[in-house]
Amino acid sequence: MRPRLHLETTIKSYLVARPSRDLILAGQQEATREWWDEKRQNYDLFVSEFVEIEAGCGDAMERG
């Protein structure tokens, strides 16, 4: 049985966002993508309905 892992909104947002120009944020995005590609299959992944709602609101900076 694989461990359960509850994801928060940042994981989803880092996976779909354009690469940041901020070096620290870009590094976090890349580390998240690497984890997603290489490690996620080791876990049963879940998100709460609150994460879905928050992620569904989008980025205020993108909306204007």
N, C-alpha and C. Protein backbone atom coordinates (compact mmCIF):
# COMPACT_ATOMS: atom_id res chain seq x y z
N MET A 1 0.85 -1.19 0.00
CA MET A 1 0.00 0.00 0.00
C MET A 1 0.89 1.25 0.00
N ARG A 2 0.59 2.14 -0.92
CA ARG A 2 1.37 3.36 -1.01
C ARG A 2 0.90 4.38 0.03
N PRO A 3 1.81 5.25 0.48
CA PRO A 3 1.41 6.31 1.41
C PRO A 3 0.49 7.30 0.70
N ARG A 4 -0.42 7.87 1.47
CA ARG A 4 -1.33 8.90 0.96
C ARG A 4 -0.65 10.25 1.11
N LEU A 5 -0.83 11.08 0.12
CA LEU A 5 -0.22 12.40 0.15
C LEU A 5 -1.26 13.41 -0.30
N HIS A 6 -1.54 14.36 0.56
CA HIS A 6 -2.49 15.43 0.24
C HIS A 6 -1.71 16.62 -0.31
N LEU A 7 -2.06 17.03 -1.52
CA LEU A 7 -1.37 18.14 -2.17
C LEU A 7 -2.08 19.45 -1.88
N GLU A 8 -1.31 20.50 -1.75
CA GLU A 8 -1.90 21.82 -1.57
C GLU A 8 -1.80 22.59 -2.88
N THR A 9 -2.39 23.75 -2.93
CA THR A 9 -2.57 24.49 -4.18
C THR A 9 -1.26 24.82 -4.89
N THR A 10 -0.21 25.08 -4.15
CA THR A 10 1.06 25.47 -4.77
C THR A 10 1.56 24.41 -5.74
N ILE A 11 1.39 23.15 -5.40
CA ILE A 11 1.87 22.08 -6.28
C ILE A 11 1.18 22.18 -7.64
N LYS A 12 -0.12 22.28 -7.62
CA LYS A 12 -0.86 22.40 -8.88
C LYS A 12 -0.46 23.64 -9.65
N SER A 13 -0.31 24.76 -8.95
CA SER A 13 0.01 26.00 -9.65
C SER A 13 1.41 25.96 -10.24
N TYR A 14 2.38 25.37 -9.54
CA TYR A 14 3.74 25.28 -10.08
C TYR A 14 3.78 24.40 -11.33
N LEU A 15 2.92 23.40 -11.38
CA LEU A 15 2.92 22.50 -12.53
C LEU A 15 2.37 23.14 -13.79
N VAL A 16 1.46 24.07 -13.66
CA VAL A 16 0.81 24.65 -14.85
C VAL A 16 1.30 26.05 -15.19
N ALA A 17 2.05 26.68 -14.31
CA ALA A 17 2.49 28.07 -14.52
C ALA A 17 3.61 28.15 -15.56
N ARG A 18 3.67 29.29 -16.20
CA ARG A 18 4.83 29.59 -17.05
C ARG A 18 6.06 29.69 -16.14
N PRO A 19 7.22 29.31 -16.65
CA PRO A 19 8.43 29.44 -15.81
C PRO A 19 8.63 30.89 -15.36
N SER A 20 8.92 31.04 -14.10
CA SER A 20 9.12 32.36 -13.51
C SER A 20 10.49 32.92 -13.88
N ARG A 21 10.57 34.25 -13.93
CA ARG A 21 11.86 34.91 -14.11
C ARG A 21 12.62 34.99 -12.79
N ASP A 22 11.89 34.90 -11.69
CA ASP A 22 12.50 34.91 -10.35
C ASP A 22 13.24 33.58 -10.17
N LEU A 23 14.53 33.63 -9.93
CA LEU A 23 15.34 32.42 -9.88
C LEU A 23 14.90 31.45 -8.78
N ILE A 24 14.53 31.96 -7.63
CA ILE A 24 14.09 31.08 -6.54
C ILE A 24 12.79 30.40 -6.91
N LEU A 25 11.83 31.17 -7.39
CA LEU A 25 10.54 30.60 -7.79
C LEU A 25 10.71 29.63 -8.95
N ALA A 26 11.56 29.97 -9.91
CA ALA A 26 11.82 29.07 -11.04
C ALA A 26 12.41 27.75 -10.55
N GLY A 27 13.30 27.83 -9.57
CA GLY A 27 13.87 26.61 -8.99
C GLY A 27 12.82 25.77 -8.29
N GLN A 28 11.91 26.42 -7.59
CA GLN A 28 10.83 25.69 -6.92
C GLN A 28 9.90 25.04 -7.95
N GLN A 29 9.61 25.76 -9.02
CA GLN A 29 8.78 25.18 -10.08
C GLN A 29 9.46 23.96 -10.69
N GLU A 30 10.74 24.07 -10.99
CA GLU A 30 11.47 22.96 -11.59
C GLU A 30 11.54 21.77 -10.64
N ALA A 31 11.81 22.01 -9.36
CA ALA A 31 11.85 20.92 -8.39
C ALA A 31 10.50 20.23 -8.29
N THR A 32 9.43 21.01 -8.36
CA THR A 32 8.08 20.44 -8.31
C THR A 32 7.82 19.59 -9.54
N ARG A 33 8.21 20.07 -10.71
CA ARG A 33 8.02 19.29 -11.94
C ARG A 33 8.83 17.99 -11.91
N GLU A 34 10.05 18.07 -11.41
CA GLU A 34 10.88 16.86 -11.31
C GLU A 34 10.24 15.85 -10.36
N TRP A 35 9.77 16.33 -9.20
CA TRP A 35 9.11 15.44 -8.25
C TRP A 35 7.89 14.80 -8.91
N TRP A 36 7.10 15.61 -9.61
CA TRP A 36 5.88 15.12 -10.26
C TRP A 36 6.21 14.03 -11.27
N ASP A 37 7.25 14.25 -12.06
CA ASP A 37 7.62 13.28 -13.08
C ASP A 37 8.24 12.01 -12.50
N GLU A 38 8.98 12.14 -11.41
CA GLU A 38 9.78 11.02 -10.92
C GLU A 38 9.25 10.33 -9.67
N LYS A 39 8.46 11.01 -8.85
CA LYS A 39 8.11 10.47 -7.54
C LYS A 39 6.61 10.29 -7.29
N ARG A 40 5.76 11.00 -8.03
CA ARG A 40 4.33 10.99 -7.69
C ARG A 40 3.72 9.60 -7.73
N GLN A 41 4.26 8.73 -8.59
CA GLN A 41 3.70 7.38 -8.69
C GLN A 41 3.93 6.56 -7.43
N ASN A 42 4.75 7.05 -6.52
CA ASN A 42 5.00 6.36 -5.25
C ASN A 42 3.92 6.63 -4.20
N TYR A 43 2.96 7.49 -4.52
CA TYR A 43 1.96 7.94 -3.55
C TYR A 43 0.56 7.84 -4.14
N ASP A 44 -0.41 7.73 -3.27
CA ASP A 44 -1.82 7.94 -3.62
C ASP A 44 -2.08 9.42 -3.35
N LEU A 45 -2.31 10.19 -4.40
CA LEU A 45 -2.43 11.64 -4.28
C LEU A 45 -3.88 12.09 -4.12
N PHE A 46 -4.08 13.08 -3.28
CA PHE A 46 -5.39 13.64 -3.01
C PHE A 46 -5.28 15.15 -2.89
N VAL A 47 -6.36 15.84 -3.23
CA VAL A 47 -6.50 17.27 -2.95
C VAL A 47 -7.86 17.47 -2.31
N SER A 48 -7.94 18.47 -1.45
CA SER A 48 -9.21 18.77 -0.81
C SER A 48 -10.09 19.59 -1.75
N GLU A 49 -11.36 19.67 -1.43
CA GLU A 49 -12.26 20.50 -2.23
C GLU A 49 -11.84 21.97 -2.15
N PHE A 50 -11.22 22.36 -1.05
CA PHE A 50 -10.76 23.75 -0.90
C PHE A 50 -9.61 24.06 -1.85
N VAL A 51 -8.74 23.09 -2.07
CA VAL A 51 -7.65 23.26 -3.03
C VAL A 51 -8.24 23.40 -4.43
N GLU A 52 -9.22 22.58 -4.76
CA GLU A 52 -9.86 22.66 -6.07
C GLU A 52 -10.51 24.04 -6.27
N ILE A 53 -11.18 24.53 -5.26
CA ILE A 53 -11.83 25.84 -5.34
C ILE A 53 -10.78 26.93 -5.52
N GLU A 54 -9.74 26.89 -4.68
CA GLU A 54 -8.70 27.91 -4.75
C GLU A 54 -8.00 27.87 -6.11
N ALA A 55 -7.67 26.69 -6.59
CA ALA A 55 -6.99 26.57 -7.89
C ALA A 55 -7.91 27.02 -9.02
N GLY A 56 -9.20 26.80 -8.87
CA GLY A 56 -10.16 27.21 -9.88
C GLY A 56 -10.33 28.70 -10.00
N CYS A 57 -9.92 29.43 -8.98
CA CYS A 57 -10.03 30.89 -9.01
C CYS A 57 -8.96 31.52 -9.90
N GLY A 58 -7.89 30.80 -10.18
CA GLY A 58 -6.84 31.32 -11.02
C GLY A 58 -5.93 32.28 -10.28
N ASP A 59 -5.11 32.96 -11.04
CA ASP A 59 -4.12 33.89 -10.51
C ASP A 59 -4.66 35.32 -10.70
N ALA A 60 -4.76 36.04 -9.62
CA ALA A 60 -5.29 37.42 -9.68
C ALA A 60 -4.45 38.29 -10.61
N MET A 61 -3.16 38.05 -10.68
CA MET A 61 -2.28 38.83 -11.55
C MET A 61 -2.61 38.55 -13.03
N GLU A 62 -3.01 37.34 -13.35
CA GLU A 62 -3.36 36.99 -14.72
C GLU A 62 -4.71 37.56 -15.10
N ARG A 63 -5.63 37.68 -14.14
CA ARG A 63 -6.98 38.16 -14.42
C ARG A 63 -7.02 39.66 -14.60
N GLY A 64 -6.04 40.35 -14.04
CA GLY A 64 -6.00 41.81 -14.18
C GLY A 64 -6.71 42.42 -13.08
